[in-house]
C-alpha atoms as a PDB file:
ATOM      1  CA  LYS A   1      40.033 -79.209  46.274  1.00  0.00           C
ATOM      2  CA  TYR A   2      39.011 -77.282  43.402  1.00  0.00           C
ATOM      3  CA  THR A   3      38.513 -76.630  39.200  1.00  0.00           C
ATOM      4  CA  VAL A   4      39.537 -74.341  36.923  1.00  0.00           C
ATOM      5  CA  ALA A   5      37.903 -73.808  33.792  1.00  0.00           C
ATOM      6  CA  GLY A   6      40.011 -73.890  30.916  1.00  0.00           C
ATOM      7  CA  CYS A   7      39.063 -71.138  28.423  1.00  0.00           C
ATOM      8  CA  MET A   8      39.554 -69.297  25.553  1.00  0.00           C
ATOM      9  CA  VAL A   9      38.451 -65.205  25.383  1.00  0.00           C
ATOM     10  CA  GLN A  10      36.101 -64.924  22.503  1.00  0.00           C
ATOM     11  CA  ASN A  11      35.859 -61.297  22.530  1.00  0.00           C
ATOM     12  CA  GLY A  12      35.932 -58.299  24.472  1.00  0.00           C
ATOM     13  CA  ARG A  13      38.721 -58.860  27.275  1.00  0.00           C
ATOM     14  CA  LEU A  14      38.307 -60.483  30.926  1.00  0.00           C
ATOM     15  CA  VAL A  15      39.808 -58.501  33.973  1.00  0.00           C
ATOM     16  CA  ARG A  16      40.368 -59.802  37.320  1.00  0.00           C
ATOM     17  CA  SER A  17      39.183 -57.267  39.122  1.00  0.00           C
ATOM     18  CA  ALA A  18      35.993 -58.059  37.374  1.00  0.00           C
ATOM     19  CA  ARG A  19      32.838 -60.292  38.190  1.00  0.00           C
ATOM     20  CA  ALA A  20      31.696 -62.929  36.306  1.00  0.00           C
ATOM     21  CA  ARG A  21      28.589 -64.800  35.496  1.00  0.00           C
ATOM     22  CA  VAL A  22      28.647 -68.027  34.231  1.00  0.00           C
ATOM     23  CA  LEU A  23      25.702 -68.855  31.506  1.00  0.00           C
ATOM     24  CA  ARG A  24      24.693 -72.578  30.676  1.00  0.00           C
ATOM     25  CA  LYS A  25      22.075 -73.592  27.881  1.00  0.00           C
ATOM     26  CA  GLY A  26      21.519 -69.411  28.061  1.00  0.00           C
ATOM     27  CA  GLN A  27      20.695 -68.980  32.144  1.00  0.00           C
ATOM     28  CA  PRO A  28      22.733 -67.805  35.024  1.00  0.00           C
ATOM     29  CA  VAL A  29      24.710 -70.893  37.489  1.00  0.00           C
ATOM     30  CA  TYR A  30      27.168 -68.812  38.644  1.00  0.00           C
ATOM     31  CA  ASP A  31      27.128 -64.899  39.779  1.00  0.00           C
ATOM     32  CA  GLY A  32      30.490 -63.857  41.916  1.00  0.00           C
ATOM     33  CA  GLY A  33      34.068 -62.749  41.400  1.00  0.00           C
ATOM     34  CA  PHE A  34      37.453 -64.252  40.187  1.00  0.00           C
ATOM     35  CA  GLN A  35      39.244 -66.448  42.958  1.00  0.00           C
ATOM     36  CA  THR A  36      42.095 -66.769  40.041  1.00  0.00           C
ATOM     37  CA  LEU A  37      43.009 -66.384  36.011  1.00  0.00           C
ATOM     38  CA  LYS A  38      45.557 -67.242  34.667  1.00  0.00           C
ATOM     39  CA  ARG A  39      48.104 -67.444  31.532  1.00  0.00           C
ATOM     40  CA  PHE A  40      50.039 -70.210  32.078  1.00  0.00           C
ATOM     41  CA  GLN A  41      51.654 -70.983  35.024  1.00  0.00           C
ATOM     42  CA  ASP A  42      51.537 -66.910  35.956  1.00  0.00           C
ATOM     43  CA  GLU A  43      48.589 -64.829  37.416  1.00  0.00           C
ATOM     44  CA  ALA A  44      47.311 -62.609  34.867  1.00  0.00           C
ATOM     45  CA  GLY A  45      45.302 -59.023  35.786  1.00  0.00           C
ATOM     46  CA  GLU A  46      44.051 -59.455  32.109  1.00  0.00           C
ATOM     47  CA  VAL A  47      43.099 -61.530  29.453  1.00  0.00           C
ATOM     48  CA  ARG A  48      42.172 -60.229  25.769  1.00  0.00           C
ATOM     49  CA  SER A  49      40.442 -61.515  22.655  1.00  0.00           C
ATOM     50  CA  GLY A  50      41.762 -64.406  21.370  1.00  0.00           C
ATOM     51  CA  LEU A  51      43.798 -65.608  24.259  1.00  0.00           C
ATOM     52  CA  GLU A  52      43.335 -68.676  25.942  1.00  0.00           C
ATOM     53  CA  CYS A  53      42.989 -68.357  30.554  1.00  0.00           C
ATOM     54  CA  GLY A  54      42.623 -70.197  33.121  1.00  0.00           C
ATOM     55  CA  ILE A  55      40.169 -69.311  35.557  1.00  0.00           C
ATOM     56  CA  ARG A  56      38.341 -69.987  39.293  1.00  0.00           C
ATOM     57  CA  LEU A  57      35.030 -68.390  40.023  1.00  0.00           C
ATOM     58  CA  GLY A  58      34.945 -67.963  43.434  1.00  0.00           C
ATOM     59  CA  ASP A  59      33.894 -72.124  45.092  1.00  0.00           C
ATOM     60  CA  TYR A  60      32.083 -73.233  42.062  1.00  0.00           C
ATOM     61  CA  ASN A  61      33.667 -76.056  40.895  1.00  0.00           C
ATOM     62  CA  ASP A  62      30.845 -77.021  38.695  1.00  0.00           C
ATOM     63  CA  TYR A  63      32.027 -76.350  35.260  1.00  0.00           C
ATOM     64  CA  GLN A  64      30.571 -78.304  31.800  1.00  0.00           C
ATOM     65  CA  GLU A  65      31.978 -78.236  28.701  1.00  0.00           C
ATOM     66  CA  GLY A  66      30.035 -75.171  26.638  1.00  0.00           C
ATOM     67  CA  ASP A  67      29.434 -73.278  29.468  1.00  0.00           C
ATOM     68  CA  ILE A  68      29.811 -69.061  28.647  1.00  0.00           C
ATOM     69  CA  ILE A  69      31.714 -67.100  31.386  1.00  0.00           C
ATOM     70  CA  GLU A  70      30.731 -63.044  30.616  1.00  0.00           C
ATOM     71  CA  CYS A  71      32.949 -60.866  32.716  1.00  0.00           C
ATOM     72  CA  TYR A  72      31.448 -56.772  32.994  1.00  0.00           C
ATOM     73  CA  GLN A  73      31.995 -54.467  35.486  1.00  0.00           C
ATOM     74  CA  PHE A  74      30.143 -52.163  37.766  1.00  0.00           C
ATOM     75  CA  GLU A  75      30.641 -48.463  37.246  1.00  0.00           C
ATOM     76  CA  LYS A  76      29.167 -45.345  38.377  1.00  0.00           C
ATOM     77  CA  VAL A  77      28.219 -42.678  36.440  1.00  0.00           C
ATOM     78  CA  PRO A  78      27.428 -39.250  37.887  1.00  0.00           C
ATOM     79  CA  GLN A  79      23.671 -38.173  37.031  1.00  0.00           C
ATOM     80  CA  ALA A  80      23.665 -35.175  34.761  1.00  0.00           C
ATOM     81  CA  LEU A  81      20.018 -33.187  34.378  1.00  0.00           C
END
């Protein structure tokens, strides 16, 4: 059995291929990838600001009300002189 967090995207967007960090009282408690990202019953690739969604992160099940989930991506930037 697993837990899905019901969320509201406050700003930016959530992208299924990105990484996510769970913050509780400003401290990180989980950092990893998405297992599922859903809008209603459908799997979503992206959820934009102002929309609700359901999130399951890796093997993490300890969601609490007030947790903040940050979404981020690593980018390769070519070195410039």
